Amino acid sequence: KTSGAQEGTPFTDLRTVRSFLSGPTL
């Protein structure tokens, strides 16, 4: 059981992390 509603899939979350790390904002 995981707490909290999932906004999308875990794979979307992985891509979000990767995009943030690879982007110019970090």
mmCIF file of all heavy atoms, coordinates in Angstrom:
data_MODEL
# 
_entry.id   MODEL 
# 
loop_
_atom_site.group_PDB 
_atom_site.id 
_atom_site.type_symbol 
_atom_site.label_atom_id 
_atom_site.label_alt_id 
_atom_site.label_comp_id 
_atom_site.label_asym_id 
_atom_site.label_entity_id 
_atom_site.label_seq_id 
_atom_site.pdbx_PDB_ins_code 
_atom_site.Cartn_x 
_atom_site.Cartn_y 
_atom_site.Cartn_z 
_atom_site.occupancy 
_atom_site.B_iso_or_equiv 
_atom_site.pdbx_formal_charge 
_atom_site.auth_seq_id 
_atom_site.auth_comp_id 
_atom_site.auth_asym_id 
_atom_site.auth_atom_id 
_atom_site.pdbx_PDB_model_num 
ATOM 1   N N   . LYS A 1 1  ? 0.850  -1.178 0.000   1.00 0.00 ? 1  LYS A N   1 
ATOM 2   C CA  . LYS A 1 1  ? 0.000  0.000  0.000   1.00 0.00 ? 1  LYS A CA  1 
ATOM 3   C C   . LYS A 1 1  ? 0.888  1.230  0.000   1.00 0.00 ? 1  LYS A C   1 
ATOM 4   O O   . LYS A 1 1  ? 1.843  1.324  0.771   1.00 0.00 ? 1  LYS A O   1 
ATOM 5   C CB  . LYS A 1 1  ? -0.913 0.028  1.234   1.00 0.00 ? 1  LYS A CB  1 
ATOM 6   C CG  . LYS A 1 1  ? -1.798 -1.205 1.373   1.00 0.00 ? 1  LYS A CG  1 
ATOM 7   C CD  . LYS A 1 1  ? -2.806 -1.305 0.248   1.00 0.00 ? 1  LYS A CD  1 
ATOM 8   C CE  . LYS A 1 1  ? -3.721 -2.523 0.439   1.00 0.00 ? 1  LYS A CE  1 
ATOM 9   N NZ  . LYS A 1 1  ? -4.642 -2.690 -0.694  1.00 0.00 ? 1  LYS A NZ  1 
ATOM 10  N N   . THR A 1 2  ? 0.573  2.173  -0.868  1.00 0.00 ? 2  THR A N   1 
ATOM 11  C CA  . THR A 1 2  ? 1.314  3.431  -0.898  1.00 0.00 ? 2  THR A CA  1 
ATOM 12  C C   . THR A 1 2  ? 0.369  4.544  -0.510  1.00 0.00 ? 2  THR A C   1 
ATOM 13  O O   . THR A 1 2  ? -0.808 4.545  -0.879  1.00 0.00 ? 2  THR A O   1 
ATOM 14  C CB  . THR A 1 2  ? 1.886  3.708  -2.294  1.00 0.00 ? 2  THR A CB  1 
ATOM 15  O OG1 . THR A 1 2  ? 0.830  3.683  -3.255  1.00 0.00 ? 2  THR A OG1 1 
ATOM 16  C CG2 . THR A 1 2  ? 2.914  2.657  -2.658  1.00 0.00 ? 2  THR A CG2 1 
ATOM 17  N N   . SER A 1 3  ? 0.884  5.486  0.259   1.00 0.00 ? 3  SER A N   1 
ATOM 18  C CA  . SER A 1 3  ? 0.051  6.592  0.735   1.00 0.00 ? 3  SER A CA  1 
ATOM 19  C C   . SER A 1 3  ? -0.034 7.667  -0.315  1.00 0.00 ? 3  SER A C   1 
ATOM 20  O O   . SER A 1 3  ? 0.916  7.936  -1.041  1.00 0.00 ? 3  SER A O   1 
ATOM 21  C CB  . SER A 1 3  ? 0.652  7.177  2.012   1.00 0.00 ? 3  SER A CB  1 
ATOM 22  O OG  . SER A 1 3  ? 1.963  7.637  1.778   1.00 0.00 ? 3  SER A OG  1 
ATOM 23  N N   . GLY A 1 4  ? -1.208 8.294  -0.398  1.00 0.00 ? 4  GLY A N   1 
ATOM 24  C CA  . GLY A 1 4  ? -1.365 9.410  -1.317  1.00 0.00 ? 4  GLY A CA  1 
ATOM 25  C C   . GLY A 1 4  ? -1.811 8.951  -2.681  1.00 0.00 ? 4  GLY A C   1 
ATOM 26  O O   . GLY A 1 4  ? -1.532 7.851  -3.139  1.00 0.00 ? 4  GLY A O   1 
ATOM 27  N N   . ALA A 1 5  ? -2.560 9.830  -3.363  1.00 0.00 ? 5  ALA A N   1 
ATOM 28  C CA  . ALA A 1 5  ? -3.014 9.529  -4.709  1.00 0.00 ? 5  ALA A CA  1 
ATOM 29  C C   . ALA A 1 5  ? -1.855 9.637  -5.667  1.00 0.00 ? 5  ALA A C   1 
ATOM 30  O O   . ALA A 1 5  ? -1.006 10.491 -5.563  1.00 0.00 ? 5  ALA A O   1 
ATOM 31  C CB  . ALA A 1 5  ? -4.133 10.491 -5.114  1.00 0.00 ? 5  ALA A CB  1 
ATOM 32  N N   . GLN A 1 6  ? -1.847 8.722  -6.624  1.00 0.00 ? 6  GLN A N   1 
ATOM 33  C CA  . GLN A 1 6  ? -0.793 8.737  -7.623  1.00 0.00 ? 6  GLN A CA  1 
ATOM 34  C C   . GLN A 1 6  ? -1.198 9.635  -8.780  1.00 0.00 ? 6  GLN A C   1 
ATOM 35  O O   . GLN A 1 6  ? -2.208 9.413  -9.427  1.00 0.00 ? 6  GLN A O   1 
ATOM 36  C CB  . GLN A 1 6  ? -0.538 7.311  -8.138  1.00 0.00 ? 6  GLN A CB  1 
ATOM 37  C CG  . GLN A 1 6  ? 0.020  6.378  -7.089  1.00 0.00 ? 6  GLN A CG  1 
ATOM 38  C CD  . GLN A 1 6  ? 1.423  6.760  -6.679  1.00 0.00 ? 6  GLN A CD  1 
ATOM 39  O OE1 . GLN A 1 6  ? 2.247  7.175  -7.477  1.00 0.00 ? 6  GLN A OE1 1 
ATOM 40  N NE2 . GLN A 1 6  ? 1.696  6.649  -5.392  1.00 0.00 ? 6  GLN A NE2 1 
ATOM 41  N N   . GLU A 1 7  ? -0.393 10.664 -9.018  1.00 0.00 ? 7  GLU A N   1 
ATOM 42  C CA  . GLU A 1 7  ? -0.643 11.554 -10.144 1.00 0.00 ? 7  GLU A CA  1 
ATOM 43  C C   . GLU A 1 7  ? 0.149  11.024 -11.324 1.00 0.00 ? 7  GLU A C   1 
ATOM 44  O O   . GLU A 1 7  ? 1.284  11.393 -11.571 1.00 0.00 ? 7  GLU A O   1 
ATOM 45  C CB  . GLU A 1 7  ? -0.215 12.984 -9.805  1.00 0.00 ? 7  GLU A CB  1 
ATOM 46  C CG  . GLU A 1 7  ? -0.975 13.590 -8.644  1.00 0.00 ? 7  GLU A CG  1 
ATOM 47  C CD  . GLU A 1 7  ? -0.437 14.958 -8.300  1.00 0.00 ? 7  GLU A CD  1 
ATOM 48  O OE1 . GLU A 1 7  ? 0.409  15.469 -9.045  1.00 0.00 ? 7  GLU A OE1 1 
ATOM 49  O OE2 . GLU A 1 7  ? -0.865 15.513 -7.281  1.00 0.00 ? 7  GLU A OE2 1 
ATOM 50  N N   . GLY A 1 8  ? -0.456 10.107 -12.089 1.00 0.00 ? 8  GLY A N   1 
ATOM 51  C CA  . GLY A 1 8  ? 0.248  9.515  -13.199 1.00 0.00 ? 8  GLY A CA  1 
ATOM 52  C C   . GLY A 1 8  ? 0.866  8.187  -12.774 1.00 0.00 ? 8  GLY A C   1 
ATOM 53  O O   . GLY A 1 8  ? 0.493  7.587  -11.781 1.00 0.00 ? 8  GLY A O   1 
ATOM 54  N N   . THR A 1 9  ? 1.830  7.713  -13.544 1.00 0.00 ? 9  THR A N   1 
ATOM 55  C CA  . THR A 1 9  ? 2.450  6.435  -13.285 1.00 0.00 ? 9  THR A CA  1 
ATOM 56  C C   . THR A 1 9  ? 3.834  6.633  -12.698 1.00 0.00 ? 9  THR A C   1 
ATOM 57  O O   . THR A 1 9  ? 4.429  7.706  -12.813 1.00 0.00 ? 9  THR A O   1 
ATOM 58  C CB  . THR A 1 9  ? 2.562  5.637  -14.592 1.00 0.00 ? 9  THR A CB  1 
ATOM 59  O OG1 . THR A 1 9  ? 3.523  6.302  -15.449 1.00 0.00 ? 9  THR A OG1 1 
ATOM 60  C CG2 . THR A 1 9  ? 1.214  5.574  -15.300 1.00 0.00 ? 9  THR A CG2 1 
ATOM 61  N N   . PRO A 1 10 ? 4.402  5.573  -12.068 1.00 0.00 ? 10 PRO A N   1 
ATOM 62  C CA  . PRO A 1 10 ? 5.775  5.686  -11.569 1.00 0.00 ? 10 PRO A CA  1 
ATOM 63  C C   . PRO A 1 10 ? 6.771  5.999  -12.674 1.00 0.00 ? 10 PRO A C   1 
ATOM 64  O O   . PRO A 1 10 ? 7.795  6.635  -12.429 1.00 0.00 ? 10 PRO A O   1 
ATOM 65  C CB  . PRO A 1 10 ? 6.027  4.296  -10.958 1.00 0.00 ? 10 PRO A CB  1 
ATOM 66  C CG  . PRO A 1 10 ? 4.680  3.763  -10.623 1.00 0.00 ? 10 PRO A CG  1 
ATOM 67  C CD  . PRO A 1 10 ? 3.769  4.308  -11.682 1.00 0.00 ? 10 PRO A CD  1 
ATOM 68  N N   . PHE A 1 11 ? 6.459  5.556  -13.902 1.00 0.00 ? 11 PHE A N   1 
ATOM 69  C CA  . PHE A 1 11 ? 7.381  5.812  -15.008 1.00 0.00 ? 11 PHE A CA  1 
ATOM 70  C C   . PHE A 1 11 ? 7.343  7.286  -15.405 1.00 0.00 ? 11 PHE A C   1 
ATOM 71  O O   . PHE A 1 11 ? 8.355  7.864  -15.798 1.00 0.00 ? 11 PHE A O   1 
ATOM 72  C CB  . PHE A 1 11 ? 7.036  4.914  -16.190 1.00 0.00 ? 11 PHE A CB  1 
ATOM 73  C CG  . PHE A 1 11 ? 6.878  3.473  -15.784 1.00 0.00 ? 11 PHE A CG  1 
ATOM 74  C CD1 . PHE A 1 11 ? 5.637  2.864  -15.818 1.00 0.00 ? 11 PHE A CD1 1 
ATOM 75  C CD2 . PHE A 1 11 ? 7.966  2.755  -15.316 1.00 0.00 ? 11 PHE A CD2 1 
ATOM 76  C CE1 . PHE A 1 11 ? 5.492  1.551  -15.416 1.00 0.00 ? 11 PHE A CE1 1 
ATOM 77  C CE2 . PHE A 1 11 ? 7.830  1.445  -14.907 1.00 0.00 ? 11 PHE A CE2 1 
ATOM 78  C CZ  . PHE A 1 11 ? 6.594  0.839  -14.957 1.00 0.00 ? 11 PHE A CZ  1 
ATOM 79  N N   . THR A 1 12 ? 6.178  7.913  -15.293 1.00 0.00 ? 12 THR A N   1 
ATOM 80  C CA  . THR A 1 12 ? 6.089  9.354  -15.498 1.00 0.00 ? 12 THR A CA  1 
ATOM 81  C C   . THR A 1 12 ? 6.903  10.081 -14.433 1.00 0.00 ? 12 THR A C   1 
ATOM 82  O O   . THR A 1 12 ? 7.586  11.075 -14.728 1.00 0.00 ? 12 THR A O   1 
ATOM 83  C CB  . THR A 1 12 ? 4.623  9.809  -15.435 1.00 0.00 ? 12 THR A CB  1 
ATOM 84  O OG1 . THR A 1 12 ? 3.863  9.085  -16.406 1.00 0.00 ? 12 THR A OG1 1 
ATOM 85  C CG2 . THR A 1 12 ? 4.508  11.304 -15.721 1.00 0.00 ? 12 THR A CG2 1 
ATOM 86  N N   . ASP A 1 13 ? 6.854  9.583  -13.209 1.00 0.00 ? 13 ASP A N   1 
ATOM 87  C CA  . ASP A 1 13 ? 7.649  10.187 -12.135 1.00 0.00 ? 13 ASP A CA  1 
ATOM 88  C C   . ASP A 1 13 ? 9.142  10.061 -12.416 1.00 0.00 ? 13 ASP A C   1 
ATOM 89  O O   . ASP A 1 13 ? 9.915  11.000 -12.197 1.00 0.00 ? 13 ASP A O   1 
ATOM 90  C CB  . ASP A 1 13 ? 7.313  9.525  -10.795 1.00 0.00 ? 13 ASP A CB  1 
ATOM 91  C CG  . ASP A 1 13 ? 5.932  9.909  -10.286 1.00 0.00 ? 13 ASP A CG  1 
ATOM 92  O OD1 . ASP A 1 13 ? 5.429  10.966 -10.709 1.00 0.00 ? 13 ASP A OD1 1 
ATOM 93  O OD2 . ASP A 1 13 ? 5.351  9.158  -9.496  1.00 0.00 ? 13 ASP A OD2 1 
ATOM 94  N N   . LEU A 1 14 ? 9.563  8.894  -12.905 1.00 0.00 ? 14 LEU A N   1 
ATOM 95  C CA  . LEU A 1 14 ? 10.971 8.715  -13.246 1.00 0.00 ? 14 LEU A CA  1 
ATOM 96  C C   . LEU A 1 14 ? 11.405 9.698  -14.329 1.00 0.00 ? 14 LEU A C   1 
ATOM 97  O O   . LEU A 1 14 ? 12.480 10.298 -14.252 1.00 0.00 ? 14 LEU A O   1 
ATOM 98  C CB  . LEU A 1 14 ? 11.220 7.283  -13.731 1.00 0.00 ? 14 LEU A CB  1 
ATOM 99  C CG  . LEU A 1 14 ? 11.574 6.229  -12.690 1.00 0.00 ? 14 LEU A CG  1 
ATOM 100 C CD1 . LEU A 1 14 ? 11.753 4.872  -13.343 1.00 0.00 ? 14 LEU A CD1 1 
ATOM 101 C CD2 . LEU A 1 14 ? 12.829 6.600  -11.921 1.00 0.00 ? 14 LEU A CD2 1 
ATOM 102 N N   . ARG A 1 15 ? 10.549 9.857  -15.338 1.00 0.00 ? 15 ARG A N   1 
ATOM 103 C CA  . ARG A 1 15 ? 10.888 10.781 -16.417 1.00 0.00 ? 15 ARG A CA  1 
ATOM 104 C C   . ARG A 1 15 ? 10.889 12.227 -15.925 1.00 0.00 ? 15 ARG A C   1 
ATOM 105 O O   . ARG A 1 15 ? 11.695 13.049 -16.392 1.00 0.00 ? 15 ARG A O   1 
ATOM 106 C CB  . ARG A 1 15 ? 9.892  10.594 -17.577 1.00 0.00 ? 15 ARG A CB  1 
ATOM 107 C CG  . ARG A 1 15 ? 10.217 11.399 -18.826 1.00 0.00 ? 15 ARG A CG  1 
ATOM 108 C CD  . ARG A 1 15 ? 11.635 11.185 -19.302 1.00 0.00 ? 15 ARG A CD  1 
ATOM 109 N NE  . ARG A 1 15 ? 11.966 9.797  -19.514 1.00 0.00 ? 15 ARG A NE  1 
ATOM 110 C CZ  . ARG A 1 15 ? 11.783 9.168  -20.672 1.00 0.00 ? 15 ARG A CZ  1 
ATOM 111 N NH1 . ARG A 1 15 ? 11.262 9.821  -21.700 1.00 0.00 ? 15 ARG A NH1 1 
ATOM 112 N NH2 . ARG A 1 15 ? 12.131 7.898  -20.814 1.00 0.00 ? 15 ARG A NH2 1 
ATOM 113 N N   . THR A 1 16 ? 10.022 12.547 -14.980 1.00 0.00 ? 16 THR A N   1 
ATOM 114 C CA  . THR A 1 16 ? 10.019 13.892 -14.396 1.00 0.00 ? 16 THR A CA  1 
ATOM 115 C C   . THR A 1 16 ? 11.338 14.184 -13.689 1.00 0.00 ? 16 THR A C   1 
ATOM 116 O O   . THR A 1 16 ? 11.923 15.257 -13.844 1.00 0.00 ? 16 THR A O   1 
ATOM 117 C CB  . THR A 1 16 ? 8.850  14.031 -13.396 1.00 0.00 ? 16 THR A CB  1 
ATOM 118 O OG1 . THR A 1 16 ? 7.615  13.872 -14.095 1.00 0.00 ? 16 THR A OG1 1 
ATOM 119 C CG2 . THR A 1 16 ? 8.866  15.402 -12.724 1.00 0.00 ? 16 THR A CG2 1 
ATOM 120 N N   . VAL A 1 17 ? 11.826 13.206 -12.910 1.00 0.00 ? 17 VAL A N   1 
ATOM 121 C CA  . VAL A 1 17 ? 13.106 13.380 -12.210 1.00 0.00 ? 17 VAL A CA  1 
ATOM 122 C C   . VAL A 1 17 ? 14.239 13.541 -13.206 1.00 0.00 ? 17 VAL A C   1 
ATOM 123 O O   . VAL A 1 17 ? 15.093 14.424 -13.075 1.00 0.00 ? 17 VAL A O   1 
ATOM 124 C CB  . VAL A 1 17 ? 13.366 12.181 -11.277 1.00 0.00 ? 17 VAL A CB  1 
ATOM 125 C CG1 . VAL A 1 17 ? 14.774 12.241 -10.694 1.00 0.00 ? 17 VAL A CG1 1 
ATOM 126 C CG2 . VAL A 1 17 ? 12.337 12.151 -10.153 1.00 0.00 ? 17 VAL A CG2 1 
ATOM 127 N N   . ARG A 1 18 ? 14.242 12.697 -14.224 1.00 0.00 ? 18 ARG A N   1 
ATOM 128 C CA  . ARG A 1 18 ? 15.318 12.781 -15.224 1.00 0.00 ? 18 ARG A CA  1 
ATOM 129 C C   . ARG A 1 18 ? 15.281 14.106 -15.970 1.00 0.00 ? 18 ARG A C   1 
ATOM 130 O O   . ARG A 1 18 ? 16.324 14.735 -16.177 1.00 0.00 ? 18 ARG A O   1 
ATOM 131 C CB  . ARG A 1 18 ? 15.196 11.625 -16.217 1.00 0.00 ? 18 ARG A CB  1 
ATOM 132 C CG  . ARG A 1 18 ? 16.205 11.721 -17.354 1.00 0.00 ? 18 ARG A CG  1 
ATOM 133 C CD  . ARG A 1 18 ? 16.086 10.598 -18.346 1.00 0.00 ? 18 ARG A CD  1 
ATOM 134 N NE  . ARG A 1 18 ? 16.960 10.812 -19.482 1.00 0.00 ? 18 ARG A NE  1 
ATOM 135 C CZ  . ARG A 1 18 ? 17.116 9.938  -20.461 1.00 0.00 ? 18 ARG A CZ  1 
ATOM 136 N NH1 . ARG A 1 18 ? 16.465 8.784  -20.452 1.00 0.00 ? 18 ARG A NH1 1 
ATOM 137 N NH2 . ARG A 1 18 ? 17.930 10.204 -21.465 1.00 0.00 ? 18 ARG A NH2 1 
ATOM 138 N N   . SER A 1 19 ? 14.093 14.537 -16.370 1.00 0.00 ? 19 SER A N   1 
ATOM 139 C CA  . SER A 1 19 ? 13.979 15.792 -17.118 1.00 0.00 ? 19 SER A CA  1 
ATOM 140 C C   . SER A 1 19 ? 14.452 16.975 -16.276 1.00 0.00 ? 19 SER A C   1 
ATOM 141 O O   . SER A 1 19 ? 15.108 17.888 -16.780 1.00 0.00 ? 19 SER A O   1 
ATOM 142 C CB  . SER A 1 19 ? 12.531 16.010 -17.562 1.00 0.00 ? 19 SER A CB  1 
ATOM 143 O OG  . SER A 1 19 ? 12.120 14.972 -18.425 1.00 0.00 ? 19 SER A OG  1 
ATOM 144 N N   . PHE A 1 20 ? 14.127 16.946 -14.981 1.00 0.00 ? 20 PHE A N   1 
ATOM 145 C CA  . PHE A 1 20 ? 14.551 18.051 -14.117 1.00 0.00 ? 20 PHE A CA  1 
ATOM 146 C C   . PHE A 1 20 ? 16.072 18.083 -13.975 1.00 0.00 ? 20 PHE A C   1 
ATOM 147 O O   . PHE A 1 20 ? 16.696 19.139 -14.050 1.00 0.00 ? 20 PHE A O   1 
ATOM 148 C CB  . PHE A 1 20 ? 13.904 17.912 -12.741 1.00 0.00 ? 20 PHE A CB  1 
ATOM 149 C CG  . PHE A 1 20 ? 14.296 19.003 -11.784 1.00 0.00 ? 20 PHE A CG  1 
ATOM 150 C CD1 . PHE A 1 20 ? 13.750 20.270 -11.892 1.00 0.00 ? 20 PHE A CD1 1 
ATOM 151 C CD2 . PHE A 1 20 ? 15.217 18.768 -10.781 1.00 0.00 ? 20 PHE A CD2 1 
ATOM 152 C CE1 . PHE A 1 20 ? 14.121 21.292 -11.020 1.00 0.00 ? 20 PHE A CE1 1 
ATOM 153 C CE2 . PHE A 1 20 ? 15.597 19.764 -9.902  1.00 0.00 ? 20 PHE A CE2 1 
ATOM 154 C CZ  . PHE A 1 20 ? 15.040 21.036 -10.032 1.00 0.00 ? 20 PHE A CZ  1 
ATOM 155 N N   . LEU A 1 21 ? 16.670 16.893 -13.780 1.00 0.00 ? 21 LEU A N   1 
ATOM 156 C CA  . LEU A 1 21 ? 18.122 16.838 -13.623 1.00 0.00 ? 21 LEU A CA  1 
ATOM 157 C C   . LEU A 1 21 ? 18.847 17.222 -14.910 1.00 0.00 ? 21 LEU A C   1 
ATOM 158 O O   . LEU A 1 21 ? 19.929 17.809 -14.872 1.00 0.00 ? 21 LEU A O   1 
ATOM 159 C CB  . LEU A 1 21 ? 18.550 15.433 -13.192 1.00 0.00 ? 21 LEU A CB  1 
ATOM 160 C CG  . LEU A 1 21 ? 18.158 15.004 -11.779 1.00 0.00 ? 21 LEU A CG  1 
ATOM 161 C CD1 . LEU A 1 21 ? 18.527 13.557 -11.539 1.00 0.00 ? 21 LEU A CD1 1 
ATOM 162 C CD2 . LEU A 1 21 ? 18.824 15.891 -10.736 1.00 0.00 ? 21 LEU A CD2 1 
ATOM 163 N N   . SER A 1 22 ? 18.228 16.865 -16.056 1.00 0.00 ? 22 SER A N   1 
ATOM 164 C CA  . SER A 1 22 ? 18.887 17.131 -17.336 1.00 0.00 ? 22 SER A CA  1 
ATOM 165 C C   . SER A 1 22 ? 18.597 18.522 -17.876 1.00 0.00 ? 22 SER A C   1 
ATOM 166 O O   . SER A 1 22 ? 19.222 18.944 -18.850 1.00 0.00 ? 22 SER A O   1 
ATOM 167 C CB  . SER A 1 22 ? 18.432 16.083 -18.370 1.00 0.00 ? 22 SER A CB  1 
ATOM 168 O OG  . SER A 1 22 ? 18.679 14.774 -17.906 1.00 0.00 ? 22 SER A OG  1 
ATOM 169 N N   . GLY A 1 23 ? 17.660 19.224 -17.282 1.00 0.00 ? 23 GLY A N   1 
ATOM 170 C CA  . GLY A 1 23 ? 17.265 20.534 -17.795 1.00 0.00 ? 23 GLY A CA  1 
ATOM 171 C C   . GLY A 1 23 ? 18.173 21.658 -17.321 1.00 0.00 ? 23 GLY A C   1 
ATOM 172 O O   . GLY A 1 23 ? 19.102 21.452 -16.528 1.00 0.00 ? 23 GLY A O   1 
ATOM 173 N N   . PRO A 1 24 ? 17.886 22.860 -17.780 1.00 0.00 ? 24 PRO A N   1 
ATOM 174 C CA  . PRO A 1 24 ? 18.755 23.999 -17.455 1.00 0.00 ? 24 PRO A CA  1 
ATOM 175 C C   . PRO A 1 24 ? 18.446 24.670 -16.117 1.00 0.00 ? 24 PRO A C   1 
ATOM 176 O O   . PRO A 1 24 ? 19.164 25.588 -15.713 1.00 0.00 ? 24 PRO A O   1 
ATOM 177 C CB  . PRO A 1 24 ? 18.462 24.972 -18.607 1.00 0.00 ? 24 PRO A CB  1 
ATOM 178 C CG  . PRO A 1 24 ? 17.041 24.685 -18.979 1.00 0.00 ? 24 PRO A CG  1 
ATOM 179 C CD  . PRO A 1 24 ? 16.835 23.208 -18.746 1.00 0.00 ? 24 PRO A CD  1 
ATOM 180 N N   . THR A 1 25 ? 17.367 24.235 -15.452 1.00 0.00 ? 25 THR A N   1 
ATOM 181 C CA  . THR A 1 25 ? 16.949 24.962 -14.245 1.00 0.00 ? 25 THR A CA  1 
ATOM 182 C C   . THR A 1 25 ? 17.733 24.566 -13.010 1.00 0.00 ? 25 THR A C   1 
ATOM 183 O O   . THR A 1 25 ? 17.955 25.381 -12.115 1.00 0.00 ? 25 THR A O   1 
ATOM 184 C CB  . THR A 1 25 ? 15.455 24.729 -13.979 1.00 0.00 ? 25 THR A CB  1 
ATOM 185 O OG1 . THR A 1 25 ? 15.203 23.319 -13.890 1.00 0.00 ? 25 THR A OG1 1 
ATOM 186 C CG2 . THR A 1 25 ? 14.606 25.305 -15.096 1.00 0.00 ? 25 THR A CG2 1 
ATOM 187 N N   . LEU A 1 26 ? 18.166 23.296 -12.926 1.00 0.00 ? 26 LEU A N   1 
ATOM 188 C CA  . LEU A 1 26 ? 18.868 22.845 -11.727 1.00 0.00 ? 26 LEU A CA  1 
ATOM 189 C C   . LEU A 1 26 ? 20.168 23.606 -11.482 1.00 0.00 ? 26 LEU A C   1 
ATOM 190 O O   . LEU A 1 26 ? 20.464 23.958 -10.335 1.00 0.00 ? 26 LEU A O   1 
ATOM 191 C CB  . LEU A 1 26 ? 19.125 21.335 -11.803 1.00 0.00 ? 26 LEU A CB  1 
ATOM 192 C CG  . LEU A 1 26 ? 19.803 20.718 -10.572 1.00 0.00 ? 26 LEU A CG  1 
ATOM 193 C CD1 . LEU A 1 26 ? 18.998 20.990 -9.320  1.00 0.00 ? 26 LEU A CD1 1 
ATOM 194 C CD2 . LEU A 1 26 ? 20.006 19.213 -10.766 1.00 0.00 ? 26 LEU A CD2 1 
# 
